[in-house]
Amino acid sequence: MNNSNIEEKLKEFLQRIDDYINNKNLGTSNFHKELKEAESFSGQELRDLSQEDCFNYGFLLYNYVDYLIGERAKQQNVISFCEEFINKIVARDFMDVEKFYTTKEIKVAMITKDNHVAQKLIQFKHIAESRIRSLEGREFNIRKKAECLLEKGKRK
């Protein structure tokens, strides 16, 4: 493999990371208009729902929960990928900083601070971690809304 090919692959890899970081598709906007409605019904709108509407909106919300579970798994895969490659970068250069008497975290920071790829991977990992944090309560809340709609539909 020649240097230009390696540089092209690195450039493509870094561009994909940038694309990932800029991708903000975790909201309901990528789903049906009905899903937005189901998430934000007013009290009167809830009272006016038919049994069929309750079941349909509940089903839509459960589909969205499935999507969020899949999205969380993708983010966890990204974190694993980043950690693996950051560890490879650190392992390669660890002997250079081993002589310093300091914590492992400081040594890792010393190694990664001047490595462009490691910095991108760290940024990539932080974005994935923040996306997981933003999903943590959302999945539970939407599942509860779906359960409420199904229960309401059963009582109609």
Protein backbone atom coordinates (compact mmCIF):
# COMPACT_ATOMS: atom_id res chain seq x y z
CA MET A 1 0.00 0.00 0.00
CA ASN A 2 1.47 3.34 -0.97
CA ASN A 3 1.38 6.54 1.07
CA SER A 4 -1.22 8.29 -1.11
CA ASN A 5 -3.60 5.34 -0.69
CA ILE A 6 -3.14 5.39 3.08
CA GLU A 7 -3.66 9.15 3.14
CA GLU A 8 -6.85 8.78 1.07
CA LYS A 9 -8.19 6.13 3.43
CA LEU A 10 -7.34 8.27 6.46
CA LYS A 11 -9.02 11.30 4.87
CA GLU A 12 -12.13 9.24 4.08
CA PHE A 13 -12.17 7.82 7.63
CA LEU A 14 -11.89 11.28 9.20
CA GLN A 15 -14.63 12.60 6.88
CA ARG A 16 -16.93 9.80 7.99
CA ILE A 17 -16.28 10.71 11.61
CA ASP A 18 -17.11 14.35 10.84
CA ASP A 19 -20.29 13.27 9.06
CA TYR A 20 -21.25 11.17 12.08
CA ILE A 21 -20.57 14.01 14.50
CA ASN A 22 -22.71 16.41 12.48
CA ASN A 23 -25.57 13.91 12.11
CA LYS A 24 -28.34 14.81 14.53
CA ASN A 25 -31.07 12.35 13.57
CA LEU A 26 -32.25 11.18 16.98
CA GLY A 27 -35.46 13.18 17.07
CA THR A 28 -38.93 12.25 15.97
CA SER A 29 -38.57 14.35 12.83
CA ASN A 30 -37.40 11.29 10.91
CA PHE A 31 -40.61 9.50 11.78
CA HIS A 32 -44.24 9.94 10.92
CA LYS A 33 -46.14 13.11 11.69
CA GLU A 34 -48.46 10.93 13.80
CA LEU A 35 -45.57 10.04 16.11
CA LYS A 36 -45.03 13.70 16.95
CA GLU A 37 -48.75 13.95 17.68
CA ALA A 38 -48.73 10.84 19.87
CA GLU A 39 -45.87 12.20 21.94
CA SER A 40 -47.54 15.49 22.67
CA PHE A 41 -51.30 14.92 22.98
CA SER A 42 -53.15 17.41 25.13
CA GLY A 43 -55.60 16.19 27.76
CA GLN A 44 -58.57 16.92 25.52
CA GLU A 45 -56.99 15.17 22.54
CA LEU A 46 -56.38 12.09 24.70
CA ARG A 47 -60.00 12.04 25.82
CA ASP A 48 -61.20 12.26 22.22
CA LEU A 49 -59.14 9.32 20.92
CA SER A 50 -61.05 6.27 19.72
CA GLN A 51 -60.00 2.77 20.73
CA GLU A 52 -58.46 2.21 17.32
CA ASP A 53 -56.51 5.50 17.56
CA CYS A 54 -55.16 4.51 20.98
CA PHE A 55 -53.89 1.18 19.62
CA ASN A 56 -52.45 2.75 16.45
CA TYR A 57 -50.62 5.52 18.29
CA GLY A 58 -49.40 3.04 20.91
CA PHE A 59 -48.00 0.87 18.13
CA LEU A 60 -46.23 3.86 16.55
CA LEU A 61 -44.65 4.74 19.88
CA TYR A 62 -43.45 1.16 20.39
CA ASN A 63 -41.88 1.28 16.92
CA TYR A 64 -40.06 4.43 17.92
CA VAL A 65 -38.82 2.76 21.11
CA ASP A 66 -37.40 -0.06 18.93
CA TYR A 67 -35.63 2.54 16.83
CA LEU A 68 -34.16 4.17 19.95
CA ILE A 69 -32.92 0.81 21.24
CA GLY A 70 -31.19 0.20 17.91
CA GLU A 71 -29.74 3.68 17.94
CA ARG A 72 -28.37 3.19 21.46
CA ALA A 73 -26.73 -0.07 20.35
CA LYS A 74 -25.11 1.71 17.39
CA GLN A 75 -23.71 4.37 19.71
CA GLN A 76 -22.32 1.70 22.03
CA ASN A 77 -20.64 0.07 19.03
CA VAL A 78 -19.08 3.40 18.12
CA ILE A 79 -17.73 3.75 21.66
CA SER A 80 -16.24 0.25 21.55
CA PHE A 81 -14.66 0.95 18.16
CA CYS A 82 -13.12 4.21 19.39
CA GLU A 83 -11.81 2.70 22.60
CA GLU A 84 -10.20 -0.16 20.70
CA PHE A 85 -8.36 2.12 18.28
CA ILE A 86 -7.41 4.68 20.91
CA ASN A 87 -5.92 1.82 22.95
CA LYS A 88 -3.93 0.68 19.90
CA ILE A 89 -2.54 4.18 19.42
CA VAL A 90 -1.67 4.44 23.11
CA ALA A 91 -0.10 0.97 23.21
CA ARG A 92 2.11 1.86 20.28
CA ASP A 93 3.49 4.96 21.99
CA PHE A 94 3.23 4.00 25.66
CA MET A 95 6.92 3.20 26.04
CA ASP A 96 7.75 6.82 25.17
CA VAL A 97 5.89 8.13 28.25
CA GLU A 98 6.47 5.22 30.59
CA LYS A 99 9.44 7.02 32.16
CA PHE A 100 7.12 9.74 33.54
CA TYR A 101 5.83 9.11 37.04
CA THR A 102 2.15 9.92 36.61
CA THR A 103 -1.26 8.26 36.28
CA LYS A 104 -2.27 6.18 33.30
CA GLU A 105 -4.90 8.77 32.34
CA ILE A 106 -2.26 11.51 32.15
CA LYS A 107 0.00 9.28 30.06
CA VAL A 108 -2.88 8.53 27.68
CA ALA A 109 -3.60 12.26 27.39
CA MET A 110 0.08 12.94 26.68
CA ILE A 111 0.07 10.38 23.89
CA THR A 112 -3.23 11.39 22.30
CA LYS A 113 -2.86 15.20 22.50
CA ASP A 114 -0.60 15.40 19.44
CA ASN A 115 -2.18 12.57 17.48
CA HIS A 116 -4.80 13.91 15.04
CA VAL A 117 -6.50 10.54 14.53
CA ALA A 118 -6.65 9.88 18.28
CA GLN A 119 -8.19 13.31 18.83
CA LYS A 120 -10.86 12.59 16.20
CA LEU A 121 -11.57 9.22 17.79
CA ILE A 122 -11.91 10.82 21.21
CA GLN A 123 -14.31 13.40 19.79
CA PHE A 124 -16.21 10.60 18.03
CA LYS A 125 -16.46 8.70 21.31
CA HIS A 126 -17.65 11.75 23.27
CA ILE A 127 -20.40 12.42 20.74
CA ALA A 128 -21.58 8.79 20.96
CA GLU A 129 -21.55 8.96 24.76
CA SER A 130 -23.59 12.16 24.74
CA ARG A 131 -26.10 10.61 22.34
CA ILE A 132 -26.50 7.64 24.68
CA ARG A 133 -27.08 10.01 27.60
CA SER A 134 -29.74 11.84 25.62
CA LEU A 135 -31.51 8.55 24.87
CA GLU A 136 -31.44 7.17 28.41
CA GLY A 137 -34.73 8.52 29.71
CA ARG A 138 -36.38 8.97 26.33
CA GLU A 139 -36.84 5.27 25.68
CA PHE A 140 -38.49 4.72 29.07
CA ASN A 141 -40.81 7.73 28.71
CA ILE A 142 -41.99 6.82 25.23
CA ARG A 143 -42.59 3.21 26.27
CA LYS A 144 -44.74 4.48 29.18
CA LYS A 145 -46.75 6.68 26.81
CA ALA A 146 -47.35 3.69 24.53
CA GLU A 147 -48.46 1.55 27.49
CA CYS A 148 -50.85 4.28 28.63
CA LEU A 149 -52.40 4.49 25.18
CA LEU A 150 -52.85 0.71 25.02
CA GLU A 151 -54.46 0.66 28.46
CA LYS A 152 -56.72 3.53 27.50
CA GLY A 153 -57.70 1.66 24.33
CA LYS A 154 -58.58 -1.45 26.36
CA ARG A 155 -60.97 0.58 28.54
CA LYS A 156 -62.89 2.17 25.66
